[in-house]
Protein backbone atom coordinates (compact mmCIF):
# COMPACT_ATOMS: atom_id res chain seq x y z
CA UNK A 1 2.56 3.76 -93.04
CA UNK A 2 1.99 5.61 -90.01
CA UNK A 3 1.30 9.17 -90.03
CA UNK A 4 2.01 11.55 -87.32
CA UNK A 5 -1.61 11.64 -86.38
CA UNK A 6 -1.78 7.87 -86.07
CA UNK A 7 1.37 7.78 -83.94
CA UNK A 8 -0.09 10.45 -81.65
CA UNK A 9 -3.34 8.50 -81.25
CA UNK A 10 -1.47 5.26 -80.48
CA UNK A 11 0.79 7.07 -77.98
CA UNK A 12 -2.20 8.69 -76.28
CA UNK A 13 -3.93 5.31 -76.04
CA UNK A 14 -0.87 3.71 -74.47
CA UNK A 15 -0.63 6.54 -71.91
CA UNK A 16 -4.33 6.26 -71.11
CA UNK A 17 -4.01 2.50 -70.67
CA UNK A 18 -1.03 2.88 -68.36
CA UNK A 19 -2.96 5.46 -66.32
CA UNK A 20 -5.95 3.16 -66.09
CA UNK A 21 -3.79 0.27 -64.92
CA UNK A 22 -1.91 2.48 -62.48
CA UNK A 23 -5.17 3.89 -61.08
CA UNK A 24 -6.59 0.44 -60.61
CA UNK A 25 -3.50 -0.87 -58.86
CA UNK A 26 -3.31 2.16 -56.46
CA UNK A 27 -6.97 2.10 -55.38
CA UNK A 28 -7.62 0.12 -52.16
CA UNK A 29 -10.75 -0.98 -50.46
CA UNK A 30 -10.84 -0.71 -46.63
CA UNK A 31 -12.93 -1.85 -43.72
CA UNK A 32 -12.77 -0.89 -40.06
CA UNK A 33 -13.23 -2.73 -36.77
CA UNK A 34 -12.60 -2.08 -33.11
CA UNK A 35 -9.92 -3.49 -30.84
CA UNK A 36 -11.26 -3.69 -27.28
CA UNK A 37 -8.58 -3.19 -24.63
CA UNK A 38 -9.59 -4.14 -21.10
CA UNK A 39 -8.31 -4.96 -17.64
CA UNK A 40 -9.84 -5.79 -14.29
CA UNK A 41 -8.33 -3.95 -11.31
CA UNK A 42 -8.84 -5.93 -8.12
CA UNK A 43 -9.39 -4.54 -4.67
CA UNK A 44 -6.01 -5.00 -3.07
CA UNK A 45 -4.21 -3.82 0.05
CA UNK A 46 -0.88 -4.45 1.74
CA UNK A 47 0.73 -3.34 4.98
CA UNK A 48 4.43 -3.03 5.82
CA UNK A 49 6.10 -4.10 9.05
CA UNK A 50 7.10 -1.25 11.37
CA UNK A 51 9.14 -0.72 14.56
CA UNK A 52 8.31 1.52 17.50
CA UNK A 53 11.58 2.19 19.36
CA UNK A 54 11.63 3.77 22.82
CA UNK A 55 15.42 3.89 22.76
CA UNK A 56 17.44 3.90 25.99
CA UNK A 57 15.34 5.08 28.94
CA UNK A 58 15.71 5.48 32.67
CA UNK A 59 13.25 3.62 34.93
CA UNK A 60 12.36 6.99 36.47
CA UNK A 61 11.35 8.36 33.06
CA UNK A 62 8.94 5.66 31.96
CA UNK A 63 5.88 7.87 31.82
CA UNK A 64 5.78 10.70 29.35
CA UNK A 65 7.63 8.78 26.63
CA UNK A 66 5.76 9.21 23.30
CA UNK A 67 7.78 7.65 20.47
CA UNK A 68 6.04 7.55 17.11
CA UNK A 69 6.18 5.35 14.04
CA UNK A 70 3.99 4.89 10.98
CA UNK A 71 2.05 1.95 9.67
CA UNK A 72 2.31 2.11 5.88
CA UNK A 73 -0.75 0.93 3.97
CA UNK A 74 -1.11 0.62 0.20
CA UNK A 75 -4.62 0.03 -1.14
CA UNK A 76 -6.26 0.31 -4.52
CA UNK A 77 -7.86 3.76 -4.91
CA UNK A 78 -11.36 3.86 -3.43
CA UNK A 79 -11.03 0.68 -1.35
CA UNK A 80 -12.22 1.20 2.25
CA UNK A 81 -10.09 -0.43 4.95
CA UNK A 82 -9.56 -0.67 8.70
CA UNK A 83 -6.30 -1.22 10.58
CA UNK A 84 -6.09 -2.85 13.97
CA UNK A 85 -3.20 -3.81 16.25
CA UNK A 86 -3.55 -6.72 18.66
CA UNK A 87 -2.29 -6.71 22.25
CA UNK A 88 1.02 -8.39 21.43
CA UNK A 89 2.72 -11.65 22.26
CA UNK A 90 3.16 -10.98 26.00
CA UNK A 91 -0.13 -9.34 26.96
CA UNK A 92 -1.85 -9.96 30.24
CA UNK A 93 -5.50 -9.39 29.41
CA UNK A 94 -5.54 -6.07 27.58
CA UNK A 95 -2.27 -4.87 29.15
CA UNK A 96 0.46 -4.88 26.52
CA UNK A 97 3.85 -5.96 27.85
CA UNK A 98 7.37 -6.23 26.47
CA UNK A 99 9.36 -9.22 27.74
CA UNK A 100 12.94 -8.67 28.93
CA UNK A 101 15.54 -10.54 26.87
CA UNK A 102 16.74 -13.42 29.02
CA UNK A 103 13.69 -13.15 31.25
CA UNK A 104 11.55 -16.23 31.64
CA UNK A 105 8.34 -14.34 32.39
CA UNK A 106 8.00 -15.66 35.93
CA UNK A 107 8.73 -12.31 37.63
CA UNK A 108 6.87 -9.04 37.20
CA UNK A 109 10.25 -7.37 36.59
CA UNK A 110 10.53 -9.42 33.38
CA UNK A 111 7.92 -7.17 31.78
CA UNK A 112 7.74 -3.53 30.74
CA UNK A 113 4.12 -2.41 30.35
CA UNK A 114 3.29 -0.23 27.36
CA UNK A 115 0.38 1.04 25.32
CA UNK A 116 -0.24 2.08 21.70
CA UNK A 117 -2.30 5.15 20.83
CA UNK A 118 -3.83 6.67 17.72
CA UNK A 119 -2.83 10.20 18.66
CA UNK A 120 -0.04 12.03 20.44
CA UNK A 121 -2.34 12.90 23.35
CA UNK A 122 -2.58 9.22 24.29
CA UNK A 123 -6.34 9.22 24.74
CA UNK A 124 -7.45 6.85 21.94
CA UNK A 125 -6.06 3.33 22.26
CA UNK A 126 -5.05 1.25 19.23
CA UNK A 127 -6.66 -2.15 19.37
CA UNK A 128 -8.18 -4.81 17.20
CA UNK A 129 -10.77 -6.69 19.24
CA UNK A 130 -13.13 -3.68 19.34
CA UNK A 131 -14.01 -1.99 16.04
CA UNK A 132 -13.78 1.48 17.62
CA UNK A 133 -10.10 0.83 18.43
CA UNK A 134 -9.29 0.39 14.71
CA UNK A 135 -8.39 3.17 12.28
CA UNK A 136 -10.48 3.47 9.12
CA UNK A 137 -9.42 4.87 5.78
CA UNK A 138 -9.89 4.71 2.03
CA UNK A 139 -7.18 3.65 -0.38
CA UNK A 140 -5.65 6.31 -2.60
CA UNK A 141 -3.54 4.08 -4.83
CA UNK A 142 -0.43 5.44 -3.07
CA UNK A 143 1.19 4.47 0.22
CA UNK A 144 -0.56 6.08 3.18
CA UNK A 145 1.16 6.60 6.54
CA UNK A 146 -0.92 6.03 9.67
CA UNK A 147 0.81 7.20 12.87
CA UNK A 148 1.18 5.01 15.95
CA UNK A 149 2.24 6.56 19.26
CA UNK A 150 3.64 4.62 22.19
CA UNK A 151 3.26 5.16 25.88
CA UNK A 152 4.98 3.38 28.75
CA UNK A 153 3.10 2.44 31.89
CA UNK A 154 4.92 2.85 35.20
CA UNK A 155 6.04 -0.59 36.26
CA UNK A 156 8.78 -2.26 38.27
CA UNK A 157 11.45 -3.26 35.75
CA UNK A 158 14.93 -4.76 35.63
CA UNK A 159 17.83 -3.52 33.53
CA UNK A 160 17.83 -5.05 30.06
CA UNK A 161 16.35 -5.04 26.58
CA UNK A 162 12.62 -5.50 26.24
CA UNK A 163 10.69 -6.51 23.15
CA UNK A 164 7.19 -7.47 22.05
CA UNK A 165 5.52 -8.25 18.75
CA UNK A 166 2.07 -6.84 18.09
CA UNK A 167 0.27 -8.00 14.96
CA UNK A 168 -1.12 -5.38 12.54
CA UNK A 169 -4.30 -6.53 10.79
CA UNK A 170 -5.47 -4.74 7.66
CA UNK A 171 -9.06 -5.50 6.67
CA UNK A 172 -10.53 -4.43 3.33
């Protein structure tokens, strides 16, 4: 026969056993480690095509024209670069020339002489063959605009549309 005291002791033992089992099941052992996350950022640059447009001009107003465009360069931050522009597809020596559409290049009037400058004053020529004619910079990680100014050289021309293609070279 169980007495009240015996029932209380058995009940207390059951509760203690349940607590011990519950405490054992809830306890966890842990360990830590590190996850390394890495990447290699390469030195990279790109340049966009651009157009320098003189628009419609009169042969008597060739000199004094200073249209402007931008060369857009995108380089990884901290990457040094230089930008050069060659003399174009129709150059005669270092003289840049646009060829008249429909012209065969046999007459001087088939060409419109022009120049490219690094500043609005037209004193520093853009080039590529000579290092001093290139523009230097350092990448910022964002697109950078580098201005190019044009200048026409007085020449005997015929009516028509003139075009040339000068190659931009980005070195980094």
